[in-house]
Amino acid sequence: MQDRQFTVTEDVKDFILSCFKEDKEHGLKKQKHTAKRIYDRLVEEKGFVGAESTIRKVVKELKDSQNVPPQALVPNRESTLGLPYLR
């Protein structure tokens, strides 16, 4: 299986970076803008027609280079149902 090259414009990268900046300015302990959320905003606000997987790759690269905190792994109610509680 061959890795495909993906290219995004500087406008798209700038939009992604602005999402990171919004999160930082709001003093969030974890990111608000997940790759999925950024992709959805790009489609809705900018008319982006590329693949979500491309945006996920670019978001990961930019996060790594910008030291963006990861999305916290918080169990939701459905994932903990049926599990015994430790005391």
N, C-alpha and C. Protein backbone atom coordinates (compact mmCIF):
# COMPACT_ATOMS: atom_id res chain seq x y z
N MET A 1 0.85 -1.18 0.00
CA MET A 1 0.00 0.00 0.00
C MET A 1 0.89 1.24 0.00
N GLN A 2 0.62 2.13 -0.89
CA GLN A 2 1.44 3.31 -1.07
C GLN A 2 0.84 4.50 -0.30
N ASP A 3 1.72 5.25 0.39
CA ASP A 3 1.26 6.46 1.06
C ASP A 3 0.98 7.53 0.02
N ARG A 4 -0.19 8.14 0.14
CA ARG A 4 -0.54 9.21 -0.78
C ARG A 4 -0.05 10.54 -0.23
N GLN A 5 0.34 11.39 -1.12
CA GLN A 5 0.74 12.74 -0.73
C GLN A 5 -0.51 13.57 -0.53
N PHE A 6 -0.48 14.45 0.44
CA PHE A 6 -1.60 15.35 0.64
C PHE A 6 -1.06 16.77 0.72
N THR A 7 -1.82 17.68 0.18
CA THR A 7 -1.42 19.07 0.15
C THR A 7 -2.60 19.92 0.60
N VAL A 8 -2.30 20.85 1.48
CA VAL A 8 -3.31 21.82 1.88
C VAL A 8 -2.72 23.21 1.70
N THR A 9 -3.59 24.16 1.48
CA THR A 9 -3.13 25.53 1.26
C THR A 9 -2.74 26.18 2.58
N GLU A 10 -2.02 27.27 2.47
CA GLU A 10 -1.64 28.04 3.66
C GLU A 10 -2.88 28.59 4.36
N ASP A 11 -3.93 28.89 3.60
CA ASP A 11 -5.18 29.37 4.21
C ASP A 11 -5.76 28.33 5.16
N VAL A 12 -5.72 27.07 4.75
CA VAL A 12 -6.25 25.99 5.59
C VAL A 12 -5.37 25.85 6.84
N LYS A 13 -4.05 25.87 6.66
CA LYS A 13 -3.15 25.78 7.81
C LYS A 13 -3.36 26.95 8.76
N ASP A 14 -3.53 28.14 8.21
CA ASP A 14 -3.78 29.32 9.05
C ASP A 14 -5.08 29.18 9.82
N PHE A 15 -6.10 28.62 9.19
CA PHE A 15 -7.38 28.40 9.87
C PHE A 15 -7.20 27.43 11.03
N ILE A 16 -6.47 26.35 10.80
CA ILE A 16 -6.22 25.36 11.85
C ILE A 16 -5.46 26.01 13.01
N LEU A 17 -4.44 26.78 12.69
CA LEU A 17 -3.68 27.46 13.73
C LEU A 17 -4.54 28.46 14.50
N SER A 18 -5.48 29.10 13.81
CA SER A 18 -6.37 30.04 14.49
C SER A 18 -7.29 29.30 15.47
N CYS A 19 -7.66 28.07 15.14
CA CYS A 19 -8.46 27.25 16.06
C CYS A 19 -7.66 26.96 17.33
N PHE A 20 -6.38 26.61 17.16
CA PHE A 20 -5.52 26.37 18.32
C PHE A 20 -5.40 27.63 19.17
N LYS A 21 -5.26 28.76 18.49
CA LYS A 21 -5.12 30.05 19.18
C LYS A 21 -6.37 30.38 19.99
N GLU A 22 -7.55 30.12 19.41
CA GLU A 22 -8.81 30.34 20.13
C GLU A 22 -8.84 29.53 21.42
N ASP A 23 -8.44 28.28 21.33
CA ASP A 23 -8.43 27.42 22.52
C ASP A 23 -7.47 27.98 23.58
N LYS A 24 -6.31 28.41 23.13
CA LYS A 24 -5.31 28.94 24.05
C LYS A 24 -5.79 30.24 24.70
N GLU A 25 -6.41 31.11 23.92
CA GLU A 25 -6.90 32.39 24.43
C GLU A 25 -8.01 32.20 25.46
N HIS A 26 -8.77 31.13 25.31
CA HIS A 26 -9.85 30.87 26.26
C HIS A 26 -9.36 30.13 27.50
N GLY A 27 -8.06 29.86 27.56
CA GLY A 27 -7.47 29.23 28.72
C GLY A 27 -8.00 27.84 29.01
N LEU A 28 -8.31 27.10 27.96
CA LEU A 28 -8.85 25.76 28.14
C LEU A 28 -7.76 24.80 28.57
N LYS A 29 -8.08 23.92 29.52
CA LYS A 29 -7.11 22.93 29.96
C LYS A 29 -6.92 21.84 28.91
N LYS A 30 -7.93 21.62 28.11
CA LYS A 30 -7.83 20.67 27.02
C LYS A 30 -8.35 21.36 25.77
N GLN A 31 -8.03 20.80 24.65
CA GLN A 31 -8.44 21.43 23.40
C GLN A 31 -9.94 21.35 23.19
N LYS A 32 -10.49 22.39 22.64
CA LYS A 32 -11.90 22.39 22.25
C LYS A 32 -12.01 21.90 20.81
N HIS A 33 -11.05 22.28 20.01
CA HIS A 33 -11.07 21.96 18.59
C HIS A 33 -10.36 20.64 18.32
N THR A 34 -11.14 19.60 18.18
CA THR A 34 -10.58 18.31 17.76
C THR A 34 -10.40 18.38 16.24
N ALA A 35 -9.69 17.41 15.69
CA ALA A 35 -9.51 17.38 14.23
C ALA A 35 -10.86 17.30 13.53
N LYS A 36 -11.78 16.54 14.09
CA LYS A 36 -13.13 16.42 13.51
C LYS A 36 -13.84 17.77 13.53
N ARG A 37 -13.77 18.46 14.64
CA ARG A 37 -14.41 19.78 14.77
C ARG A 37 -13.79 20.78 13.79
N ILE A 38 -12.48 20.75 13.66
CA ILE A 38 -11.81 21.65 12.72
C ILE A 38 -12.25 21.34 11.29
N TYR A 39 -12.30 20.04 10.95
CA TYR A 39 -12.75 19.64 9.62
C TYR A 39 -14.17 20.15 9.36
N ASP A 40 -15.07 19.92 10.32
CA ASP A 40 -16.46 20.36 10.16
C ASP A 40 -16.54 21.87 9.96
N ARG A 41 -15.74 22.63 10.71
CA ARG A 41 -15.74 24.09 10.56
C ARG A 41 -15.19 24.50 9.19
N LEU A 42 -14.15 23.82 8.73
CA LEU A 42 -13.59 24.13 7.41
C LEU A 42 -14.63 23.92 6.31
N VAL A 43 -15.36 22.82 6.40
CA VAL A 43 -16.40 22.53 5.41
C VAL A 43 -17.49 23.60 5.47
N GLU A 44 -17.96 23.88 6.68
CA GLU A 44 -19.08 24.81 6.86
C GLU A 44 -18.69 26.26 6.57
N GLU A 45 -17.56 26.69 7.12
CA GLU A 45 -17.20 28.11 7.05
C GLU A 45 -16.38 28.48 5.81
N LYS A 46 -15.59 27.55 5.32
CA LYS A 46 -14.66 27.86 4.22
C LYS A 46 -14.97 27.10 2.93
N GLY A 47 -15.97 26.21 2.96
CA GLY A 47 -16.30 25.46 1.75
C GLY A 47 -15.26 24.44 1.38
N PHE A 48 -14.52 23.93 2.36
CA PHE A 48 -13.48 22.94 2.12
C PHE A 48 -14.08 21.67 1.53
N VAL A 49 -13.42 21.11 0.51
CA VAL A 49 -13.94 19.92 -0.16
C VAL A 49 -12.99 18.73 -0.08
N GLY A 50 -11.91 18.86 0.68
CA GLY A 50 -10.95 17.77 0.81
C GLY A 50 -11.41 16.71 1.80
N ALA A 51 -10.57 15.74 2.01
CA ALA A 51 -10.89 14.61 2.89
C ALA A 51 -10.62 14.94 4.35
N GLU A 52 -11.46 14.37 5.21
CA GLU A 52 -11.26 14.55 6.66
C GLU A 52 -9.92 13.98 7.10
N SER A 53 -9.51 12.86 6.50
CA SER A 53 -8.24 12.24 6.87
C SER A 53 -7.05 13.17 6.59
N THR A 54 -7.15 13.96 5.55
CA THR A 54 -6.10 14.92 5.24
C THR A 54 -6.00 15.96 6.35
N ILE A 55 -7.14 16.45 6.80
CA ILE A 55 -7.15 17.46 7.87
C ILE A 55 -6.63 16.85 9.16
N ARG A 56 -7.00 15.60 9.43
CA ARG A 56 -6.49 14.93 10.64
C ARG A 56 -4.96 14.87 10.63
N LYS A 57 -4.38 14.55 9.48
CA LYS A 57 -2.92 14.48 9.37
C LYS A 57 -2.28 15.85 9.58
N VAL A 58 -2.85 16.87 8.97
CA VAL A 58 -2.30 18.22 9.10
C VAL A 58 -2.45 18.73 10.53
N VAL A 59 -3.61 18.46 11.14
CA VAL A 59 -3.82 18.88 12.54
C VAL A 59 -2.78 18.21 13.43
N LYS A 60 -2.54 16.92 13.23
CA LYS A 60 -1.55 16.22 14.04
C LYS A 60 -0.17 16.85 13.88
N GLU A 61 0.23 17.10 12.65
CA GLU A 61 1.55 17.70 12.40
C GLU A 61 1.66 19.07 13.05
N LEU A 62 0.62 19.88 12.90
CA LEU A 62 0.66 21.23 13.47
C LEU A 62 0.62 21.19 15.00
N LYS A 63 -0.15 20.27 15.56
CA LYS A 63 -0.19 20.14 17.02
C LYS A 63 1.19 19.77 17.55
N ASP A 64 1.83 18.82 16.89
CA ASP A 64 3.15 18.39 17.32
C ASP A 64 4.15 19.55 17.28
N SER A 65 4.04 20.38 16.26
CA SER A 65 4.98 21.49 16.12
C SER A 65 4.63 22.68 17.02
N GLN A 66 3.37 22.76 17.47
CA GLN A 66 2.91 23.89 18.29
C GLN A 66 2.78 23.54 19.77
N ASN A 67 3.06 22.29 20.15
CA ASN A 67 2.91 21.84 21.53
C ASN A 67 1.49 22.07 22.06
N VAL A 68 0.51 21.65 21.29
CA VAL A 68 -0.89 21.77 21.68
C VAL A 68 -1.23 20.59 22.60
N PRO A 69 -1.91 20.85 23.74
CA PRO A 69 -2.25 19.75 24.63
C PRO A 69 -3.22 18.78 23.97
N PRO A 70 -3.09 17.48 24.27
CA PRO A 70 -3.99 16.49 23.66
C PRO A 70 -5.39 16.58 24.25
N GLN A 71 -6.33 16.03 23.50
CA GLN A 71 -7.70 15.92 24.00
C GLN A 71 -7.67 14.97 25.19
N ALA A 72 -8.23 15.39 26.30
CA ALA A 72 -8.23 14.54 27.50
C ALA A 72 -9.11 13.32 27.27
N LEU A 73 -8.69 12.21 27.80
CA LEU A 73 -9.48 11.00 27.72
C LEU A 73 -10.34 10.91 28.97
N VAL A 74 -11.56 11.33 28.83
CA VAL A 74 -12.49 11.32 29.96
C VAL A 74 -13.56 10.28 29.66
N PRO A 75 -13.69 9.26 30.52
CA PRO A 75 -14.71 8.25 30.23
C PRO A 75 -16.10 8.86 30.31
N ASN A 76 -16.94 8.48 29.38
CA ASN A 76 -18.32 8.96 29.43
C ASN A 76 -19.17 7.94 30.16
N ARG A 77 -20.39 8.31 30.45
CA ARG A 77 -21.29 7.45 31.24
C ARG A 77 -21.47 6.09 30.58
N GLU A 78 -21.63 6.07 29.25
CA GLU A 78 -21.88 4.81 28.55
C GLU A 78 -20.68 3.87 28.64
N SER A 79 -19.48 4.42 28.65
CA SER A 79 -18.31 3.55 28.67
C SER A 79 -18.05 2.95 30.05
N THR A 80 -18.66 3.52 31.09
CA THR A 80 -18.43 3.00 32.43
C THR A 80 -19.61 2.20 32.98
N LEU A 81 -20.72 2.14 32.24
CA LEU A 81 -21.86 1.36 32.71
C LEU A 81 -21.50 -0.11 32.78
N GLY A 82 -21.89 -0.71 33.85
CA GLY A 82 -21.63 -2.14 34.01
C GLY A 82 -20.28 -2.46 34.61
N LEU A 83 -19.43 -1.47 34.76
CA LEU A 83 -18.13 -1.71 35.36
C LEU A 83 -18.22 -1.52 36.86
N PRO A 84 -17.60 -2.37 37.64
CA PRO A 84 -17.65 -2.20 39.10
C PRO A 84 -16.86 -0.96 39.52
N TYR A 85 -17.34 -0.29 40.52
CA TYR A 85 -16.65 0.89 41.04
C TYR A 85 -15.61 0.42 42.05
N LEU A 86 -14.44 1.01 41.98
CA LEU A 86 -13.39 0.70 42.93
C LEU A 86 -13.51 1.65 44.11
N ARG A 87 -13.38 1.11 45.30
CA ARG A 87 -13.47 1.97 46.50
C ARG A 87 -12.20 1.88 47.28
